[in-house]
PDB file of N, CA and C in Angstrom:
ATOM      1  N   MET A   1       0.842  -1.167   0.000  1.00  0.00           N
ATOM      2  CA  MET A   1       0.000   0.000   0.000  1.00  0.00           C
ATOM      3  C   MET A   1       0.892   1.238   0.000  1.00  0.00           C
ATOM      4  N   LYS A   2       0.515   2.209  -0.778  1.00  0.00           N
ATOM      5  CA  LYS A   2       1.290   3.435  -0.903  1.00  0.00           C
ATOM      6  C   LYS A   2       0.776   4.480   0.086  1.00  0.00           C
ATOM      7  N   VAL A   3       1.622   5.471   0.353  1.00  0.00           N
ATOM      8  CA  VAL A   3       1.284   6.531   1.293  1.00  0.00           C
ATOM      9  C   VAL A   3       0.036   7.271   0.809  1.00  0.00           C
ATOM     10  N   GLN A   4      -0.063   7.493  -0.496  1.00  0.00           N
ATOM     11  CA  GLN A   4      -1.224   8.194  -1.046  1.00  0.00           C
ATOM     12  C   GLN A   4      -2.522   7.437  -0.757  1.00  0.00           C
ATOM     13  N   GLU A   5      -2.477   6.112  -0.847  1.00  0.00           N
ATOM     14  CA  GLU A   5      -3.666   5.300  -0.561  1.00  0.00           C
ATOM     15  C   GLU A   5      -4.056   5.395   0.908  1.00  0.00           C
ATOM     16  N   ILE A   6      -3.072   5.377   1.786  1.00  0.00           N
ATOM     17  CA  ILE A   6      -3.357   5.515   3.219  1.00  0.00           C
ATOM     18  C   ILE A   6      -3.960   6.881   3.506  1.00  0.00           C
ATOM     19  N   MET A   7      -3.406   7.922   2.888  1.00  0.00           N
ATOM     20  CA  MET A   7      -3.925   9.276   3.098  1.00  0.00           C
ATOM     21  C   MET A   7      -5.364   9.388   2.619  1.00  0.00           C
ATOM     22  N   GLU A   8      -5.697   8.755   1.499  1.00  0.00           N
ATOM     23  CA  GLU A   8      -7.070   8.795   0.989  1.00  0.00           C
ATOM     24  C   GLU A   8      -8.022   8.064   1.927  1.00  0.00           C
ATOM     25  N   ARG A   9      -7.592   6.936   2.495  1.00  0.00           N
ATOM     26  CA  ARG A   9      -8.457   6.161   3.396  1.00  0.00           C
ATOM     27  C   ARG A   9      -8.790   6.916   4.675  1.00  0.00           C
ATOM     28  N   VAL A  10      -7.828   7.681   5.196  1.00  0.00           N
ATOM     29  CA  VAL A  10      -8.070   8.403   6.447  1.00  0.00           C
ATOM     30  C   VAL A  10      -8.511   9.841   6.219  1.00  0.00           C
ATOM     31  N   GLY A  11      -8.541  10.274   4.979  1.00  0.00           N
ATOM     32  CA  GLY A  11      -8.992  11.625   4.666  1.00  0.00           C
ATOM     33  C   GLY A  11      -8.018  12.704   5.058  1.00  0.00           C
ATOM     34  N   MET A  12      -6.740  12.459   4.820  1.00  0.00           N
ATOM     35  CA  MET A  12      -5.701  13.422   5.180  1.00  0.00           C
ATOM     36  C   MET A  12      -5.074  13.997   3.908  1.00  0.00           C
ATOM     37  N   ALA A  13      -4.797  15.299   3.926  1.00  0.00           N
ATOM     38  CA  ALA A  13      -4.224  15.945   2.752  1.00  0.00           C
ATOM     39  C   ALA A  13      -2.772  16.373   2.966  1.00  0.00           C
ATOM     40  N   GLN A  14      -2.272  16.298   4.200  1.00  0.00           N
ATOM     41  CA  GLN A  14      -0.916  16.767   4.504  1.00  0.00           C
ATOM     42  C   GLN A  14       0.054  15.580   4.468  1.00  0.00           C
ATOM     43  N   THR A  15       0.913  15.560   3.463  1.00  0.00           N
ATOM     44  CA  THR A  15       1.835  14.438   3.276  1.00  0.00           C
ATOM     45  C   THR A  15       2.844  14.337   4.411  1.00  0.00           C
ATOM     46  N   GLY A  16       3.388  15.457   4.851  1.00  0.00           N
ATOM     47  CA  GLY A  16       4.394  15.440   5.915  1.00  0.00           C
ATOM     48  C   GLY A  16       3.854  14.861   7.206  1.00  0.00           C
ATOM     49  N   ARG A  17       2.655  15.260   7.569  1.00  0.00           N
ATOM     50  CA  ARG A  17       2.040  14.758   8.800  1.00  0.00           C
ATOM     51  C   ARG A  17       1.716  13.268   8.662  1.00  0.00           C
ATOM     52  N   ALA A  18       1.249  12.858   7.477  1.00  0.00           N
ATOM     53  CA  ALA A  18       0.942  11.447   7.245  1.00  0.00           C
ATOM     54  C   ALA A  18       2.195  10.593   7.380  1.00  0.00           C
ATOM     55  N   LEU A  19       3.308  11.052   6.814  1.00  0.00           N
ATOM     56  CA  LEU A  19       4.566  10.305   6.913  1.00  0.00           C
ATOM     57  C   LEU A  19       5.027  10.212   8.368  1.00  0.00           C
ATOM     58  N   ALA A  20       4.866  11.286   9.132  1.00  0.00           N
ATOM     59  CA  ALA A  20       5.259  11.270  10.546  1.00  0.00           C
ATOM     60  C   ALA A  20       4.429  10.254  11.314  1.00  0.00           C
ATOM     61  N   TYR A  21       3.123  10.212  11.050  1.00  0.00           N
ATOM     62  CA  TYR A  21       2.257   9.240  11.716  1.00  0.00           C
ATOM     63  C   TYR A  21       2.632   7.812  11.338  1.00  0.00           C
ATOM     64  N   ILE A  22       2.937   7.597  10.078  1.00  0.00           N
ATOM     65  CA  ILE A  22       3.307   6.252   9.621  1.00  0.00           C
ATOM     66  C   ILE A  22       4.613   5.809  10.278  1.00  0.00           C
ATOM     67  N   LYS A  23       5.591   6.702  10.338  1.00  0.00           N
ATOM     68  CA  LYS A  23       6.868   6.358  10.978  1.00  0.00           C
ATOM     69  C   LYS A  23       6.680   6.069  12.462  1.00  0.00           C
ATOM     70  N   ASP A  24       5.847   6.867  13.141  1.00  0.00           N
ATOM     71  CA  ASP A  24       5.560   6.618  14.558  1.00  0.00           C
ATOM     72  C   ASP A  24       4.898   5.263  14.753  1.00  0.00           C
ATOM     73  N   ALA A  25       3.971   4.933  13.866  1.00  0.00           N
ATOM     74  CA  ALA A  25       3.279   3.646  13.975  1.00  0.00           C
ATOM     75  C   ALA A  25       4.243   2.485  13.753  1.00  0.00           C
ATOM     76  N   LEU A  26       5.127   2.602  12.789  1.00  0.00           N
ATOM     77  CA  LEU A  26       6.098   1.536  12.530  1.00  0.00           C
ATOM     78  C   LEU A  26       7.049   1.356  13.699  1.00  0.00           C
ATOM     79  N   GLU A  27       7.463   2.446  14.328  1.00  0.00           N
ATOM     80  CA  GLU A  27       8.344   2.346  15.485  1.00  0.00           C
ATOM     81  C   GLU A  27       7.617   1.700  16.667  1.00  0.00           C
ATOM     82  N   GLU A  28       6.340   2.032  16.835  1.00  0.00           N
ATOM     83  CA  GLU A  28       5.560   1.428  17.915  1.00  0.00           C
ATOM     84  C   GLU A  28       5.363  -0.069  17.685  1.00  0.00           C
ATOM     85  N   ILE A  29       5.131  -0.458  16.450  1.00  0.00           N
ATOM     86  CA  ILE A  29       5.021  -1.876  16.118  1.00  0.00           C
ATOM     87  C   ILE A  29       6.344  -2.574  16.398  1.00  0.00           C
ATOM     88  N   ASN A  30       7.439  -1.915  16.059  1.00  0.00           N
ATOM     89  CA  ASN A  30       8.772  -2.482  16.286  1.00  0.00           C
ATOM     90  C   ASN A  30       9.030  -2.715  17.767  1.00  0.00           C
ATOM     91  N   MET A  31       8.473  -1.874  18.635  1.00  0.00           N
ATOM     92  CA  MET A  31       8.675  -2.033  20.073  1.00  0.00           C
ATOM     93  C   MET A  31       7.890  -3.211  20.640  1.00  0.00           C
ATOM     94  N   THR A  32       6.772  -3.555  20.013  1.00  0.00           N
ATOM     95  CA  THR A  32       5.939  -4.626  20.556  1.00  0.00           C
ATOM     96  C   THR A  32       6.295  -6.002  20.013  1.00  0.00           C
ATOM     97  N   ILE A  33       6.944  -6.061  18.878  1.00  0.00           N
ATOM     98  CA  ILE A  33       7.288  -7.345  18.261  1.00  0.00           C
ATOM     99  C   ILE A  33       8.789  -7.566  18.388  1.00  0.00           C
ATOM    100  N   THR A  34       9.183  -8.748  18.819  1.00  0.00           N
ATOM    101  CA  THR A  34      10.607  -9.040  19.002  1.00  0.00           C
ATOM    102  C   THR A  34      11.140  -9.804  17.795  1.00  0.00           C
ATOM    103  N   THR A  35      11.445  -9.084  16.724  1.00  0.00           N
ATOM    104  CA  THR A  35      11.949  -9.727  15.515  1.00  0.00           C
ATOM    105  C   THR A  35      13.464  -9.611  15.383  1.00  0.00           C
ATOM    106  N   HIS A  36      14.010  -8.475  15.699  1.00  0.00           N
ATOM    107  CA  HIS A  36      15.448  -8.251  15.546  1.00  0.00           C
ATOM    108  C   HIS A  36      16.086  -8.102  16.924  1.00  0.00           C
ATOM    109  N   VAL A  37      16.212  -9.211  17.623  1.00  0.00           N
ATOM    110  CA  VAL A  37      16.763  -9.194  18.969  1.00  0.00           C
ATOM    111  C   VAL A  37      18.266  -9.446  18.886  1.00  0.00           C
ATOM    112  N   THR A  38      19.028  -8.594  19.524  1.00  0.00           N
ATOM    113  CA  THR A  38      20.471  -8.792  19.615  1.00  0.00           C
ATOM    114  C   THR A  38      20.862  -8.835  21.087  1.00  0.00           C
ATOM    115  N   THR A  39      21.982  -9.453  21.351  1.00  0.00           N
ATOM    116  CA  THR A  39      22.475  -9.585  22.708  1.00  0.00           C
ATOM    117  C   THR A  39      23.730  -8.745  22.868  1.00  0.00           C
ATOM    118  N   SER A  40      23.793  -7.993  23.942  1.00  0.00           N
ATOM    119  CA  SER A  40      24.987  -7.218  24.264  1.00  0.00           C
ATOM    120  C   SER A  40      25.511  -7.689  25.604  1.00  0.00           C
ATOM    121  N   ARG A  41      26.803  -7.785  25.708  1.00  0.00           N
ATOM    122  CA  ARG A  41      27.436  -8.187  26.964  1.00  0.00           C
ATOM    123  C   ARG A  41      28.286  -7.024  27.468  1.00  0.00           C
ATOM    124  N   VAL A  42      28.156  -6.772  28.761  1.00  0.00           N
ATOM    125  CA  VAL A  42      28.916  -5.706  29.408  1.00  0.00           C
ATOM    126  C   VAL A  42      29.544  -6.295  30.653  1.00  0.00           C
ATOM    127  N   ASP A  43      30.841  -6.124  30.806  1.00  0.00           N
ATOM    128  CA  ASP A  43      31.517  -6.590  32.009  1.00  0.00           C
ATOM    129  C   ASP A  43      31.285  -5.583  33.132  1.00  0.00           C
ATOM    130  N   LEU A  44      30.928  -6.106  34.285  1.00  0.00           N
ATOM    131  CA  LEU A  44      30.714  -5.248  35.439  1.00  0.00           C
ATOM    132  C   LEU A  44      32.054  -4.827  36.032  1.00  0.00           C
ATOM    133  N   GLU A  45      32.106  -3.592  36.478  1.00  0.00           N
ATOM    134  CA  GLU A  45      33.317  -3.060  37.083  1.00  0.00           C
ATOM    135  C   GLU A  45      33.020  -2.697  38.532  1.00  0.00           C
ATOM    136  N   SER A  46      33.964  -2.980  39.392  1.00  0.00           N
ATOM    137  CA  SER A  46      33.788  -2.688  40.812  1.00  0.00           C
ATOM    138  C   SER A  46      33.657  -1.185  41.027  1.00  0.00           C
ATOM    139  N   GLY A  47      32.627  -0.780  41.754  1.00  0.00           N
ATOM    140  CA  GLY A  47      32.421   0.624  42.066  1.00  0.00           C
ATOM    141  C   GLY A  47      31.710   1.412  40.983  1.00  0.00           C
ATOM    142  N   LYS A  48      31.441   0.811  39.843  1.00  0.00           N
ATOM    143  CA  LYS A  48      30.753   1.516  38.762  1.00  0.00           C
ATOM    144  C   LYS A  48      29.268   1.193  38.831  1.00  0.00           C
ATOM    145  N   ARG A  49      28.441   2.231  38.784  1.00  0.00           N
ATOM    146  CA  ARG A  49      27.000   2.033  38.927  1.00  0.00           C
ATOM    147  C   ARG A  49      26.244   2.212  37.621  1.00  0.00           C
ATOM    148  N   PHE A  50      26.625   3.158  36.792  1.00  0.00           N
ATOM    149  CA  PHE A  50      25.915   3.459  35.561  1.00  0.00           C
ATOM    150  C   PHE A  50      26.717   2.971  34.358  1.00  0.00           C
ATOM    151  N   TYR A  51      26.042   2.359  33.417  1.00  0.00           N
ATOM    152  CA  TYR A  51      26.666   1.825  32.210  1.00  0.00           C
ATOM    153  C   TYR A  51      25.949   2.389  30.990  1.00  0.00           C
ATOM    154  N   ASP A  52      26.683   2.503  29.896  1.00  0.00           N
ATOM    155  CA  ASP A  52      26.105   3.021  28.662  1.00  0.00           C
ATOM    156  C   ASP A  52      25.268   1.945  27.979  1.00  0.00           C
ATOM    157  N   ILE A  53      24.121   2.362  27.457  1.00  0.00           N
ATOM    158  CA  ILE A  53      23.252   1.483  26.685  1.00  0.00           C
ATOM    159  C   ILE A  53      23.436   1.843  25.219  1.00  0.00           C
ATOM    160  N   PRO A  54      23.511   0.851  24.320  1.00  0.00           N
ATOM    161  CA  PRO A  54      23.692   1.167  22.897  1.00  0.00           C
ATOM    162  C   PRO A  54      22.592   2.089  22.370  1.00  0.00           C
ATOM    163  N   ASN A  55      22.947   2.988  21.451  1.00  0.00           N
ATOM    164  CA  ASN A  55      21.991   3.952  20.908  1.00  0.00           C
ATOM    165  C   ASN A  55      20.866   3.286  20.126  1.00  0.00           C
ATOM    166  N   ASP A  56      21.118   2.130  19.539  1.00  0.00           N
ATOM    167  CA  ASP A  56      20.090   1.477  18.733  1.00  0.00           C
ATOM    168  C   ASP A  56      19.157   0.603  19.564  1.00  0.00           C
ATOM    169  N   ALA A  57      19.324   0.593  20.879  1.00  0.00           N
ATOM    170  CA  ALA A  57      18.450  -0.198  21.750  1.00  0.00           C
ATOM    171  C   ALA A  57      17.081   0.475  21.857  1.00  0.00           C
ATOM    172  N   ILE A  58      16.043  -0.288  21.587  1.00  0.00           N
ATOM    173  CA  ILE A  58      14.681   0.219  21.701  1.00  0.00           C
ATOM    174  C   ILE A  58      14.058  -0.253  23.009  1.00  0.00           C
ATOM    175  N   LYS A  59      14.334  -1.496  23.363  1.00  0.00           N
ATOM    176  CA  LYS A  59      13.710  -2.080  24.545  1.00  0.00           C
ATOM    177  C   LYS A  59      14.676  -3.089  25.159  1.00  0.00           C
ATOM    178  N   ILE A  60      14.804  -3.083  26.463  1.00  0.00           N
ATOM    179  CA  ILE A  60      15.645  -4.058  27.156  1.00  0.00           C
ATOM    180  C   ILE A  60      14.742  -5.184  27.619  1.00  0.00           C
ATOM    181  N   LEU A  61      14.998  -6.386  27.123  1.00  0.00           N
ATOM    182  CA  LEU A  61      14.154  -7.529  27.447  1.00  0.00           C
ATOM    183  C   LEU A  61      14.519  -8.152  28.781  1.00  0.00           C
ATOM    184  N   GLY A  62      15.769  -8.063  29.174  1.00  0.00           N
ATOM    185  CA  GLY A  62      16.176  -8.651  30.441  1.00  0.00           C
ATOM    186  C   GLY A  62      17.631  -8.375  30.742  1.00  0.00           C
ATOM    187  N   VAL A  63      17.966  -8.514  32.008  1.00  0.00           N
ATOM    188  CA  VAL A  63      19.346  -8.355  32.465  1.00  0.00           C
ATOM    189  C   VAL A  63      19.705  -9.618  33.233  1.00  0.00           C
ATOM    190  N   ARG A  64      20.830 -10.213  32.882  1.00  0.00           N
ATOM    191  CA  ARG A  64      21.269 -11.444  33.539  1.00  0.00           C
ATOM    192  C   ARG A  64      22.661 -11.234  34.111  1.00  0.00           C
ATOM    193  N   ALA A  65      22.934 -11.911  35.207  1.00  0.00           N
ATOM    194  CA  ALA A  65      24.241 -11.821  35.846  1.00  0.00           C
ATOM    195  C   ALA A  65      24.695 -13.219  36.253  1.00  0.00           C
ATOM    196  N   LYS A  66      25.985 -13.434  36.133  1.00  0.00           N
ATOM    197  CA  LYS A  66      26.556 -14.718  36.525  1.00  0.00           C
ATOM    198  C   LYS A  66      26.680 -14.770  38.042  1.00  0.00           C
ATOM    199  N   ASN A  67      26.354 -15.926  38.620  1.00  0.00           N
ATOM    200  CA  ASN A  67      26.409 -16.155  40.071  1.00  0.00           C
ATOM    201  C   ASN A  67      25.436 -15.277  40.846  1.00  0.00           C
ATOM    202  N   HIS A  68      24.345 -14.848  40.229  1.00  0.00           N
ATOM    203  CA  HIS A  68      23.321 -14.082  40.940  1.00  0.00           C
ATOM    204  C   HIS A  68      22.381 -15.068  41.632  1.00  0.00           C
ATOM    205  N   LEU A  69      22.406 -15.070  42.951  1.00  0.00           N
ATOM    206  CA  LEU A  69      21.622 -15.987  43.791  1.00  0.00           C
ATOM    207  C   LEU A  69      21.984 -17.457  43.563  1.00  0.00           C
ATOM    208  N   ASN A  70      23.214 -17.728  43.147  1.00  0.00           N
ATOM    209  CA  ASN A  70      23.683 -19.115  43.022  1.00  0.00           C
ATOM    210  C   ASN A  70      25.204 -19.125  43.062  1.00  0.00           C
ATOM    211  N   THR A  71      25.768 -20.304  43.246  1.00  0.00           N
ATOM    212  CA  THR A  71      27.230 -20.455  43.272  1.00  0.00           C
ATOM    213  C   THR A  71      27.690 -21.463  42.233  1.00  0.00           C
ATOM    214  N   LYS A  72      26.883 -21.719  41.213  1.00  0.00           N
ATOM    215  CA  LYS A  72      27.194 -22.732  40.207  1.00  0.00           C
ATOM    216  C   LYS A  72      27.649 -22.137  38.879  1.00  0.00           C
ATOM    217  N   ASP A  73      28.097 -20.884  38.877  1.00  0.00           N
ATOM    218  CA  ASP A  73      28.512 -20.197  37.654  1.00  0.00           C
ATOM    219  C   ASP A  73      27.413 -20.176  36.602  1.00  0.00           C
ATOM    220  N   GLU A  74      26.157 -20.021  37.035  1.00  0.00           N
ATOM    221  CA  GLU A  74      25.030 -19.928  36.110  1.00  0.00           C
ATOM    222  C   GLU A  74      24.605 -18.472  35.973  1.00  0.00           C
ATOM    223  N   TYR A  75      24.049 -18.162  34.805  1.00  0.00           N
ATOM    224  CA  TYR A  75      23.473 -16.842  34.597  1.00  0.00           C
ATOM    225  C   TYR A  75      22.013 -16.875  35.036  1.00  0.00           C
ATOM    226  N   ARG A  76      21.599 -15.887  35.814  1.00  0.00           N
ATOM    227  CA  ARG A  76      20.220 -15.783  36.282  1.00  0.00           C
ATOM    228  C   ARG A  76      19.697 -14.387  35.966  1.00  0.00           C
ATOM    229  N   ASP A  77      18.398 -14.306  35.722  1.00  0.00           N
ATOM    230  CA  ASP A  77      17.763 -13.015  35.482  1.00  0.00           C
ATOM    231  C   ASP A  77      17.752 -12.187  36.757  1.00  0.00           C
ATOM    232  N   ILE A  78      18.022 -10.902  36.618  1.00  0.00           N
ATOM    233  CA  ILE A  78      17.897  -9.965  37.721  1.00  0.00           C
ATOM    234  C   ILE A  78      16.499  -9.378  37.610  1.00  0.00           C
ATOM    235  N   PRO A  79      15.675  -9.508  38.655  1.00  0.00           N
ATOM    236  CA  PRO A  79      14.290  -9.033  38.553  1.00  0.00           C
ATOM    237  C   PRO A  79      14.210  -7.516  38.389  1.00  0.00           C
ATOM    238  N   ARG A  80      13.192  -7.106  37.658  1.00  0.00           N
ATOM    239  CA  ARG A  80      12.971  -5.689  37.414  1.00  0.00           C
ATOM    240  C   ARG A  80      12.294  -5.072  38.635  1.00  0.00           C
ATOM    241  N   MET A  81      12.714  -3.858  38.992  1.00  0.00           N
ATOM    242  CA  MET A  81      12.124  -3.174  40.130  1.00  0.00           C
ATOM    243  C   MET A  81      10.883  -2.427  39.665  1.00  0.00           C
ATOM    244  N   VAL A  82       9.753  -2.679  40.291  1.00  0.00           N
ATOM    245  CA  VAL A  82       8.491  -2.082  39.881  1.00  0.00           C
ATOM    246  C   VAL A  82       8.165  -0.845  40.714  1.00  0.00           C
ATOM    247  N   ASP A  83       8.362  -0.922  42.020  1.00  0.00           N
ATOM    248  CA  ASP A  83       8.045   0.185  42.918  1.00  0.00           C
ATOM    249  C   ASP A  83       9.283   1.029  43.196  1.00  0.00           C
ATOM    250  N   GLU A  84       9.065   2.140  43.863  1.00  0.00           N
ATOM    251  CA  GLU A  84      10.179   2.992  44.279  1.00  0.00           C
ATOM    252  C   GLU A  84      11.026   2.241  45.308  1.00  0.00           C
ATOM    253  N   PRO A  85      12.346   2.466  45.326  1.00  0.00           N
ATOM    254  CA  PRO A  85      13.190   1.782  46.314  1.00  0.00           C
ATOM    255  C   PRO A  85      12.892   2.273  47.732  1.00  0.00           C
ATOM    256  N   PHE A  86      13.111   1.369  48.703  1.00  0.00           N
ATOM    257  CA  PHE A  86      12.855   1.711  50.101  1.00  0.00           C
ATOM    258  C   PHE A  86      13.929   2.628  50.670  1.00  0.00           C
ATOM    259  N   THR A  87      15.163   2.470  50.200  1.00  0.00           N
ATOM    260  CA  THR A  87      16.260   3.289  50.718  1.00  0.00           C
ATOM    261  C   THR A  87      16.523   4.453  49.780  1.00  0.00           C
ATOM    262  N   GLU A  88      16.942   5.572  50.352  1.00  0.00           N
ATOM    263  CA  GLU A  88      17.216   6.762  49.562  1.00  0.00           C
ATOM    264  C   GLU A  88      18.525   6.594  48.790  1.00  0.00           C
ATOM    265  N   ASP A  89      18.551   7.116  47.562  1.00  0.00           N
ATOM    266  CA  ASP A  89      19.740   7.049  46.732  1.00  0.00           C
ATOM    267  C   ASP A  89      20.721   8.107  47.197  1.00  0.00           C
ATOM    268  N   THR A  90      21.902   7.696  47.622  1.00  0.00           N
ATOM    269  CA  THR A  90      22.898   8.647  48.126  1.00  0.00           C
ATOM    270  C   THR A  90      23.991   8.925  47.109  1.00  0.00           C
ATOM    271  N   ASP A  91      23.842   8.377  45.896  1.00  0.00           N
ATOM    272  CA  ASP A  91      24.835   8.612  44.857  1.00  0.00           C
ATOM    273  C   ASP A  91      24.803  10.064  44.404  1.00  0.00           C
ATOM    274  N   GLU A  92      25.967  10.678  44.250  1.00  0.00           N
ATOM    275  CA  GLU A  92      26.048  12.066  43.837  1.00  0.00           C
ATOM    276  C   GLU A  92      26.034  12.199  42.312  1.00  0.00           C
ATOM    277  N   GLU A  93      26.258  11.118  41.595  1.00  0.00           N
ATOM    278  CA  GLU A  93      26.344  11.173  40.132  1.00  0.00           C
ATOM    279  C   GLU A  93      24.947  11.391  39.551  1.00  0.00           C
ATOM    280  N   LEU A  94      24.869  12.296  38.576  1.00  0.00           N
ATOM    281  CA  LEU A  94      23.593  12.572  37.926  1.00  0.00           C
ATOM    282  C   LEU A  94      23.361  11.592  36.799  1.00  0.00           C
ATOM    283  N   ILE A  95      22.119  11.287  36.571  1.00  0.00           N
ATOM    284  CA  ILE A  95      21.775  10.362  35.480  1.00  0.00           C
ATOM    285  C   ILE A  95      21.722  11.134  34.189  1.00  0.00           C
TER     286      ILE A  95
END
């Protein structure tokens, strides 16, 4: 289907706005469907709290760490925090 056909179906005459809506919709679809999943590995450093995330990352599916809650050299998922933390953040570094 061409952009002109989509514009006719929705009754829109502004091409620029139609293209912006189409691009937004495609990006939203890309966020909900896991078709192009890549894995990135980052070595943890002692005393380092914040790490860079790749610019092309749209969604983080999970974080795993070796020896997390085990001693068998297995990788385990680190659970996502849903609520606010109970302890106050005392780190001076800005996000």
